[in-house]
Amino acid sequence: MVDFKRPESVLVVIYTEHGDVLRLRRCIPLDFWQSVTGSLHYGETPRQAAIREVREETGLLADERLTDSSIVNSYPIHPAWHAKFAPEVTENIEYVFSLRLPARTTIRLDPAEHAEYRWLPRVEAAVLASSRTDREAILVLVPSKR
């Protein structure tokens, strides 16, 4: 029996008090830039998944600074990942969180998933985002510098 992914995921925008946003470049597909993302495991809440994904993808420990934005998106599953879901599944539900840090920090990447990371100003980070929901989350959740 094939274990398919649950068609629900989290997106966690990580940013600093100075407005720098963490960008992660995936290994596959090439040049796909994103925030922390990942599918919920069966039996896992969105908050639990967000905490787990932040740790797995960055080495950071999400704590009370992890904020549920109450934004929930629905979008078609990207063709690069469609085979990981049951054949009849075409849409994914995404729960959006943010994590504000005092300053830029060193990130520990999982080399099987991400090839590099960058800290970028809010607008540059949004422009680099490969998905619409990521771009929108950055612009809504990260305060513009005054």
N, C-alpha and C. Protein backbone atom coordinates (compact mmCIF):
# COMPACT_ATOMS: atom_id res chain seq x y z
N MET A 1 0.83 -1.18 0.00
CA MET A 1 0.00 0.00 0.00
C MET A 1 0.89 1.26 0.00
N VAL A 2 0.50 2.23 -0.80
CA VAL A 2 1.24 3.48 -0.89
C VAL A 2 0.69 4.46 0.16
N ASP A 3 1.59 5.10 0.87
CA ASP A 3 1.19 6.13 1.84
C ASP A 3 1.26 7.48 1.15
N PHE A 4 0.10 8.08 0.97
CA PHE A 4 0.05 9.39 0.34
C PHE A 4 0.12 10.48 1.39
N LYS A 5 0.64 11.63 0.97
CA LYS A 5 0.71 12.79 1.85
C LYS A 5 -0.69 13.32 2.12
N ARG A 6 -0.85 13.88 3.28
CA ARG A 6 -2.08 14.58 3.65
C ARG A 6 -2.12 15.90 2.88
N PRO A 7 -3.23 16.24 2.22
CA PRO A 7 -3.28 17.47 1.42
C PRO A 7 -3.55 18.72 2.26
N GLU A 8 -2.79 18.83 3.33
CA GLU A 8 -2.83 20.01 4.20
C GLU A 8 -1.39 20.31 4.57
N SER A 9 -1.06 21.59 4.57
CA SER A 9 0.32 21.97 4.85
C SER A 9 0.38 23.27 5.65
N VAL A 10 1.60 23.58 6.07
CA VAL A 10 1.85 24.86 6.75
C VAL A 10 2.85 25.65 5.92
N LEU A 11 2.76 26.96 6.07
CA LEU A 11 3.73 27.89 5.53
C LEU A 11 4.12 28.79 6.70
N VAL A 12 5.42 28.87 6.98
CA VAL A 12 5.89 29.69 8.10
C VAL A 12 6.84 30.75 7.56
N VAL A 13 6.41 32.00 7.63
CA VAL A 13 7.25 33.12 7.23
C VAL A 13 8.13 33.49 8.43
N ILE A 14 9.43 33.36 8.25
CA ILE A 14 10.39 33.70 9.31
C ILE A 14 11.03 35.03 8.94
N TYR A 15 10.97 35.98 9.88
CA TYR A 15 11.52 37.30 9.60
C TYR A 15 12.11 37.90 10.87
N THR A 16 12.90 38.96 10.70
CA THR A 16 13.55 39.61 11.83
C THR A 16 12.84 40.91 12.19
N GLU A 17 13.17 41.42 13.36
CA GLU A 17 12.63 42.71 13.80
C GLU A 17 12.99 43.83 12.83
N HIS A 18 14.06 43.64 12.05
CA HIS A 18 14.50 44.65 11.10
C HIS A 18 13.88 44.47 9.72
N GLY A 19 13.00 43.47 9.57
CA GLY A 19 12.29 43.27 8.32
C GLY A 19 12.97 42.38 7.31
N ASP A 20 14.01 41.65 7.72
CA ASP A 20 14.66 40.69 6.82
C ASP A 20 13.88 39.38 6.87
N VAL A 21 13.67 38.80 5.69
CA VAL A 21 12.85 37.60 5.56
C VAL A 21 13.72 36.44 5.09
N LEU A 22 13.55 35.29 5.72
CA LEU A 22 14.30 34.09 5.34
C LEU A 22 13.72 33.49 4.08
N ARG A 23 14.59 33.23 3.10
CA ARG A 23 14.22 32.56 1.85
C ARG A 23 15.01 31.28 1.76
N LEU A 24 14.36 30.20 1.38
CA LEU A 24 14.99 28.89 1.21
C LEU A 24 14.85 28.46 -0.25
N ARG A 25 15.94 28.04 -0.86
CA ARG A 25 15.88 27.55 -2.25
C ARG A 25 15.85 26.03 -2.25
N ARG A 26 14.79 25.48 -2.81
CA ARG A 26 14.63 24.03 -2.87
C ARG A 26 15.65 23.41 -3.82
N CYS A 27 15.94 22.15 -3.58
CA CYS A 27 16.79 21.39 -4.50
C CYS A 27 15.98 20.99 -5.74
N ILE A 28 14.71 20.63 -5.51
CA ILE A 28 13.81 20.24 -6.60
C ILE A 28 12.45 20.87 -6.32
N PRO A 29 11.85 21.58 -7.25
CA PRO A 29 12.42 21.98 -8.53
C PRO A 29 13.46 23.08 -8.33
N LEU A 30 14.36 23.16 -9.29
CA LEU A 30 15.44 24.14 -9.21
C LEU A 30 14.88 25.56 -9.18
N ASP A 31 15.54 26.40 -8.46
CA ASP A 31 15.17 27.82 -8.37
C ASP A 31 13.77 28.06 -7.83
N PHE A 32 13.29 27.19 -6.97
CA PHE A 32 12.00 27.39 -6.29
C PHE A 32 12.33 27.93 -4.90
N TRP A 33 12.03 29.21 -4.70
CA TRP A 33 12.31 29.88 -3.43
C TRP A 33 11.05 29.94 -2.59
N GLN A 34 11.22 29.67 -1.29
CA GLN A 34 10.05 29.59 -0.43
C GLN A 34 10.38 29.91 1.03
N SER A 35 9.31 30.06 1.79
CA SER A 35 9.42 30.10 3.24
C SER A 35 9.46 28.65 3.71
N VAL A 36 9.49 28.43 5.01
CA VAL A 36 9.39 27.07 5.55
C VAL A 36 8.00 26.54 5.19
N THR A 37 7.95 25.34 4.64
CA THR A 37 6.68 24.71 4.29
C THR A 37 6.75 23.22 4.58
N GLY A 38 5.59 22.59 4.67
CA GLY A 38 5.57 21.15 4.83
C GLY A 38 4.19 20.62 5.09
N SER A 39 3.97 19.40 4.71
CA SER A 39 2.68 18.74 4.90
C SER A 39 2.47 18.33 6.35
N LEU A 40 1.22 18.39 6.77
CA LEU A 40 0.86 17.90 8.09
C LEU A 40 0.90 16.38 8.08
N HIS A 41 1.43 15.80 9.13
CA HIS A 41 1.34 14.35 9.31
C HIS A 41 -0.07 14.04 9.79
N TYR A 42 -0.52 12.82 9.55
CA TYR A 42 -1.84 12.42 10.05
C TYR A 42 -1.82 12.47 11.57
N GLY A 43 -2.85 13.07 12.17
CA GLY A 43 -2.94 13.22 13.62
C GLY A 43 -2.24 14.44 14.16
N GLU A 44 -1.64 15.25 13.30
CA GLU A 44 -0.88 16.42 13.72
C GLU A 44 -1.70 17.69 13.48
N THR A 45 -1.63 18.64 14.40
CA THR A 45 -2.30 19.92 14.22
C THR A 45 -1.42 20.83 13.37
N PRO A 46 -2.01 21.87 12.78
CA PRO A 46 -1.18 22.82 12.03
C PRO A 46 -0.06 23.42 12.87
N ARG A 47 -0.32 23.79 14.11
CA ARG A 47 0.73 24.37 14.97
C ARG A 47 1.86 23.37 15.21
N GLN A 48 1.51 22.12 15.49
CA GLN A 48 2.53 21.09 15.70
C GLN A 48 3.38 20.91 14.43
N ALA A 49 2.72 20.93 13.28
CA ALA A 49 3.45 20.79 12.01
C ALA A 49 4.37 21.98 11.78
N ALA A 50 3.90 23.19 12.10
CA ALA A 50 4.73 24.39 11.92
C ALA A 50 5.99 24.31 12.79
N ILE A 51 5.84 23.92 14.03
CA ILE A 51 6.98 23.78 14.94
C ILE A 51 7.96 22.73 14.41
N ARG A 52 7.44 21.59 13.97
CA ARG A 52 8.29 20.51 13.44
C ARG A 52 9.01 20.95 12.17
N GLU A 53 8.29 21.57 11.25
CA GLU A 53 8.90 21.97 9.98
C GLU A 53 9.97 23.04 10.17
N VAL A 54 9.75 24.00 11.06
CA VAL A 54 10.76 25.01 11.34
C VAL A 54 12.04 24.33 11.83
N ARG A 55 11.91 23.39 12.74
CA ARG A 55 13.07 22.68 13.27
C ARG A 55 13.77 21.86 12.18
N GLU A 56 12.99 21.11 11.39
CA GLU A 56 13.57 20.25 10.36
C GLU A 56 14.27 21.05 9.25
N GLU A 57 13.67 22.17 8.85
CA GLU A 57 14.18 22.90 7.69
C GLU A 57 15.21 23.98 8.02
N THR A 58 15.26 24.41 9.29
CA THR A 58 16.16 25.51 9.64
C THR A 58 17.04 25.24 10.85
N GLY A 59 16.66 24.26 11.66
CA GLY A 59 17.37 24.01 12.92
C GLY A 59 16.91 24.94 14.03
N LEU A 60 15.99 25.85 13.75
CA LEU A 60 15.49 26.78 14.76
C LEU A 60 14.39 26.14 15.60
N LEU A 61 14.28 26.57 16.85
CA LEU A 61 13.21 26.10 17.71
C LEU A 61 12.12 27.18 17.75
N ALA A 62 10.97 26.85 17.21
CA ALA A 62 9.84 27.78 17.26
C ALA A 62 9.27 27.72 18.67
N ASP A 63 9.00 28.88 19.24
CA ASP A 63 8.49 28.95 20.60
C ASP A 63 7.26 29.83 20.63
N GLU A 64 7.08 30.57 21.70
CA GLU A 64 5.89 31.43 21.83
C GLU A 64 5.86 32.52 20.77
N ARG A 65 6.98 32.75 20.08
CA ARG A 65 7.00 33.75 19.00
C ARG A 65 6.30 33.26 17.74
N LEU A 66 6.03 31.94 17.65
CA LEU A 66 5.31 31.39 16.49
C LEU A 66 3.87 31.87 16.57
N THR A 67 3.44 32.57 15.52
CA THR A 67 2.10 33.16 15.52
C THR A 67 1.25 32.57 14.41
N ASP A 68 0.05 32.15 14.78
CA ASP A 68 -0.93 31.67 13.80
C ASP A 68 -1.58 32.91 13.20
N SER A 69 -1.44 33.11 11.91
CA SER A 69 -1.97 34.31 11.25
C SER A 69 -3.47 34.24 11.01
N SER A 70 -4.05 33.04 11.15
CA SER A 70 -5.45 32.78 10.81
C SER A 70 -5.72 32.84 9.30
N ILE A 71 -4.65 32.90 8.51
CA ILE A 71 -4.80 32.84 7.05
C ILE A 71 -4.79 31.37 6.64
N VAL A 72 -5.79 30.99 5.86
CA VAL A 72 -5.87 29.63 5.33
C VAL A 72 -6.07 29.75 3.83
N ASN A 73 -5.17 29.13 3.07
CA ASN A 73 -5.23 29.18 1.61
C ASN A 73 -5.59 27.82 1.04
N SER A 74 -6.16 27.84 -0.15
CA SER A 74 -6.40 26.62 -0.91
C SER A 74 -5.86 26.86 -2.31
N TYR A 75 -5.09 25.90 -2.82
CA TYR A 75 -4.50 26.08 -4.14
C TYR A 75 -4.25 24.72 -4.79
N PRO A 76 -4.12 24.70 -6.13
CA PRO A 76 -3.82 23.45 -6.82
C PRO A 76 -2.43 22.95 -6.45
N ILE A 77 -2.29 21.66 -6.31
CA ILE A 77 -1.00 21.06 -5.97
C ILE A 77 -0.04 21.23 -7.16
N HIS A 78 1.17 21.68 -6.87
CA HIS A 78 2.20 21.90 -7.90
C HIS A 78 2.51 20.57 -8.59
N PRO A 79 2.63 20.57 -9.92
CA PRO A 79 2.91 19.32 -10.64
C PRO A 79 4.13 18.56 -10.13
N ALA A 80 5.13 19.25 -9.61
CA ALA A 80 6.34 18.58 -9.12
C ALA A 80 6.04 17.67 -7.93
N TRP A 81 4.95 17.92 -7.21
CA TRP A 81 4.64 17.14 -6.02
C TRP A 81 3.36 16.32 -6.13
N HIS A 82 2.68 16.37 -7.28
CA HIS A 82 1.38 15.72 -7.39
C HIS A 82 1.42 14.22 -7.11
N ALA A 83 2.48 13.54 -7.49
CA ALA A 83 2.57 12.08 -7.30
C ALA A 83 2.63 11.68 -5.84
N LYS A 84 2.92 12.61 -4.95
CA LYS A 84 3.00 12.31 -3.52
C LYS A 84 1.62 12.24 -2.86
N PHE A 85 0.59 12.65 -3.60
CA PHE A 85 -0.77 12.68 -3.07
C PHE A 85 -1.63 11.64 -3.79
N ALA A 86 -2.73 11.26 -3.16
CA ALA A 86 -3.65 10.32 -3.78
C ALA A 86 -4.08 10.87 -5.14
N PRO A 87 -4.31 10.00 -6.12
CA PRO A 87 -4.61 10.45 -7.49
C PRO A 87 -5.80 11.42 -7.59
N GLU A 88 -6.79 11.26 -6.74
CA GLU A 88 -7.97 12.13 -6.82
C GLU A 88 -7.77 13.49 -6.16
N VAL A 89 -6.66 13.67 -5.46
CA VAL A 89 -6.38 14.92 -4.75
C VAL A 89 -5.75 15.93 -5.70
N THR A 90 -6.36 17.10 -5.80
CA THR A 90 -5.84 18.14 -6.68
C THR A 90 -5.57 19.45 -5.95
N GLU A 91 -6.13 19.62 -4.76
CA GLU A 91 -6.01 20.87 -4.01
C GLU A 91 -5.32 20.61 -2.67
N ASN A 92 -4.64 21.62 -2.19
CA ASN A 92 -3.99 21.59 -0.88
C ASN A 92 -4.54 22.74 -0.04
N ILE A 93 -4.71 22.48 1.25
CA ILE A 93 -5.09 23.51 2.21
C ILE A 93 -3.82 23.90 2.97
N GLU A 94 -3.56 25.21 3.06
CA GLU A 94 -2.33 25.70 3.67
C GLU A 94 -2.65 26.65 4.83
N TYR A 95 -2.06 26.37 6.00
CA TYR A 95 -2.22 27.18 7.20
C TYR A 95 -0.96 28.05 7.35
N VAL A 96 -1.16 29.35 7.49
CA VAL A 96 -0.02 30.28 7.47
C VAL A 96 0.33 30.77 8.87
N PHE A 97 1.61 30.67 9.20
CA PHE A 97 2.17 31.11 10.48
C PHE A 97 3.31 32.08 10.21
N SER A 98 3.73 32.78 11.26
CA SER A 98 4.93 33.61 11.16
C SER A 98 5.76 33.41 12.42
N LEU A 99 7.05 33.65 12.27
CA LEU A 99 7.99 33.55 13.37
C LEU A 99 8.93 34.75 13.29
N ARG A 100 8.82 35.63 14.29
CA ARG A 100 9.65 36.83 14.32
C ARG A 100 10.86 36.59 15.21
N LEU A 101 12.05 36.86 14.66
CA LEU A 101 13.31 36.69 15.38
C LEU A 101 13.91 38.06 15.67
N PRO A 102 14.75 38.16 16.70
CA PRO A 102 15.38 39.45 17.00
C PRO A 102 16.33 39.92 15.89
N ALA A 103 17.02 38.98 15.25
CA ALA A 103 18.00 39.33 14.22
C ALA A 103 18.25 38.13 13.32
N ARG A 104 18.98 38.37 12.23
CA ARG A 104 19.38 37.26 11.36
C ARG A 104 20.16 36.25 12.18
N THR A 105 20.03 35.00 11.83
CA THR A 105 20.76 33.93 12.50
C THR A 105 21.20 32.91 11.47
N THR A 106 22.17 32.10 11.82
CA THR A 106 22.63 31.04 10.94
C THR A 106 21.56 29.96 10.88
N ILE A 107 21.32 29.47 9.68
CA ILE A 107 20.30 28.44 9.43
C ILE A 107 20.99 27.13 9.10
N ARG A 108 20.47 26.04 9.66
CA ARG A 108 20.99 24.70 9.36
C ARG A 108 20.02 24.04 8.38
N LEU A 109 20.41 23.97 7.13
CA LEU A 109 19.55 23.41 6.09
C LEU A 109 19.61 21.89 6.06
N ASP A 110 18.52 21.27 5.61
CA ASP A 110 18.52 19.85 5.28
C ASP A 110 18.94 19.79 3.81
N PRO A 111 20.16 19.32 3.50
CA PRO A 111 20.66 19.36 2.12
C PRO A 111 19.84 18.50 1.13
N ALA A 112 19.03 17.60 1.63
CA ALA A 112 18.17 16.82 0.74
C ALA A 112 16.99 17.66 0.25
N GLU A 113 16.69 18.73 0.96
CA GLU A 113 15.51 19.54 0.62
C GLU A 113 15.85 20.93 0.10
N HIS A 114 16.83 21.59 0.74
CA HIS A 114 17.16 22.97 0.36
C HIS A 114 18.65 23.11 0.06
N ALA A 115 18.94 23.89 -0.99
CA ALA A 115 20.33 24.08 -1.42
C ALA A 115 20.98 25.31 -0.82
N GLU A 116 20.19 26.33 -0.50
CA GLU A 116 20.77 27.55 0.08
C GLU A 116 19.68 28.36 0.75
N TYR A 117 20.13 29.34 1.52
CA TYR A 117 19.19 30.29 2.12
C TYR A 117 19.73 31.69 2.00
N ARG A 118 18.82 32.64 2.08
CA ARG A 118 19.17 34.05 2.05
C ARG A 118 18.26 34.80 3.01
N TRP A 119 18.79 35.86 3.60
CA TRP A 119 17.98 36.82 4.34
C TRP A 119 17.83 38.03 3.42
N LEU A 120 16.60 38.41 3.11
CA LEU A 120 16.36 39.52 2.20
C LEU A 120 15.36 40.51 2.79
N PRO A 121 15.45 41.77 2.38
CA PRO A 121 14.42 42.73 2.78
C PRO A 121 13.04 42.27 2.29
N ARG A 122 12.03 42.71 2.97
CA ARG A 122 10.64 42.28 2.75
C ARG A 122 10.24 42.25 1.27
N VAL A 123 10.40 43.34 0.56
CA VAL A 123 9.94 43.41 -0.83
C VAL A 123 10.76 42.48 -1.72
N GLU A 124 12.07 42.45 -1.54
CA GLU A 124 12.91 41.54 -2.33
C GLU A 124 12.53 40.09 -2.07
N ALA A 125 12.25 39.78 -0.82
CA ALA A 125 11.85 38.42 -0.46
C ALA A 125 10.54 38.04 -1.14
N ALA A 126 9.59 38.97 -1.16
CA ALA A 126 8.30 38.71 -1.80
C ALA A 126 8.48 38.50 -3.31
N VAL A 127 9.32 39.31 -3.93
CA VAL A 127 9.56 39.17 -5.37
C VAL A 127 10.18 37.82 -5.68
N LEU A 128 11.06 37.33 -4.82
CA LEU A 128 11.74 36.05 -5.05
C LEU A 128 10.83 34.84 -4.78
N ALA A 129 9.77 35.03 -4.03
CA ALA A 129 8.87 33.91 -3.68
C ALA A 129 8.32 33.24 -4.93
N SER A 130 8.39 31.92 -4.97
CA SER A 130 7.91 31.17 -6.13
C SER A 130 6.42 30.90 -6.11
N SER A 131 5.78 31.05 -4.95
CA SER A 131 4.34 30.81 -4.90
C SER A 131 3.59 32.09 -4.52
N ARG A 132 2.40 32.20 -5.05
CA ARG A 132 1.55 33.35 -4.78
C ARG A 132 1.23 33.47 -3.29
N THR A 133 0.92 32.35 -2.64
CA THR A 133 0.53 32.42 -1.23
C THR A 133 1.69 32.83 -0.34
N ASP A 134 2.90 32.41 -0.70
CA ASP A 134 4.09 32.81 0.04
C ASP A 134 4.32 34.32 -0.11
N ARG A 135 4.25 34.79 -1.35
CA ARG A 135 4.44 36.22 -1.63
C ARG A 135 3.42 37.06 -0.85
N GLU A 136 2.16 36.66 -0.89
CA GLU A 136 1.12 37.40 -0.17
C GLU A 136 1.34 37.38 1.33
N ALA A 137 1.76 36.23 1.87
CA ALA A 137 1.99 36.11 3.31
C ALA A 137 3.11 37.05 3.75
N ILE A 138 4.18 37.13 2.97
CA ILE A 138 5.28 38.02 3.31
C ILE A 138 4.79 39.46 3.37
N LEU A 139 4.06 39.87 2.36
CA LEU A 139 3.61 41.27 2.30
C LEU A 139 2.58 41.61 3.37
N VAL A 140 1.80 40.63 3.80
CA VAL A 140 0.79 40.87 4.83
C VAL A 140 1.39 40.78 6.25
N LEU A 141 2.27 39.81 6.48
CA LEU A 141 2.73 39.51 7.84
C LEU A 141 3.99 40.25 8.28
N VAL A 142 4.85 40.60 7.33
CA VAL A 142 6.10 41.26 7.70
C VAL A 142 5.89 42.77 7.61
N PRO A 143 6.06 43.46 8.72
CA PRO A 143 5.85 44.92 8.70
C PRO A 143 6.86 45.60 7.78
N SER A 144 6.39 46.62 7.07
CA SER A 144 7.32 47.38 6.23
C SER A 144 8.15 48.27 7.13
N LYS A 145 9.40 48.47 6.73
CA LYS A 145 10.29 49.31 7.53
C LYS A 145 9.85 50.77 7.38
N ARG A 146 9.88 51.48 8.47
CA ARG A 146 9.43 52.88 8.45
C ARG A 146 10.62 53.80 8.49
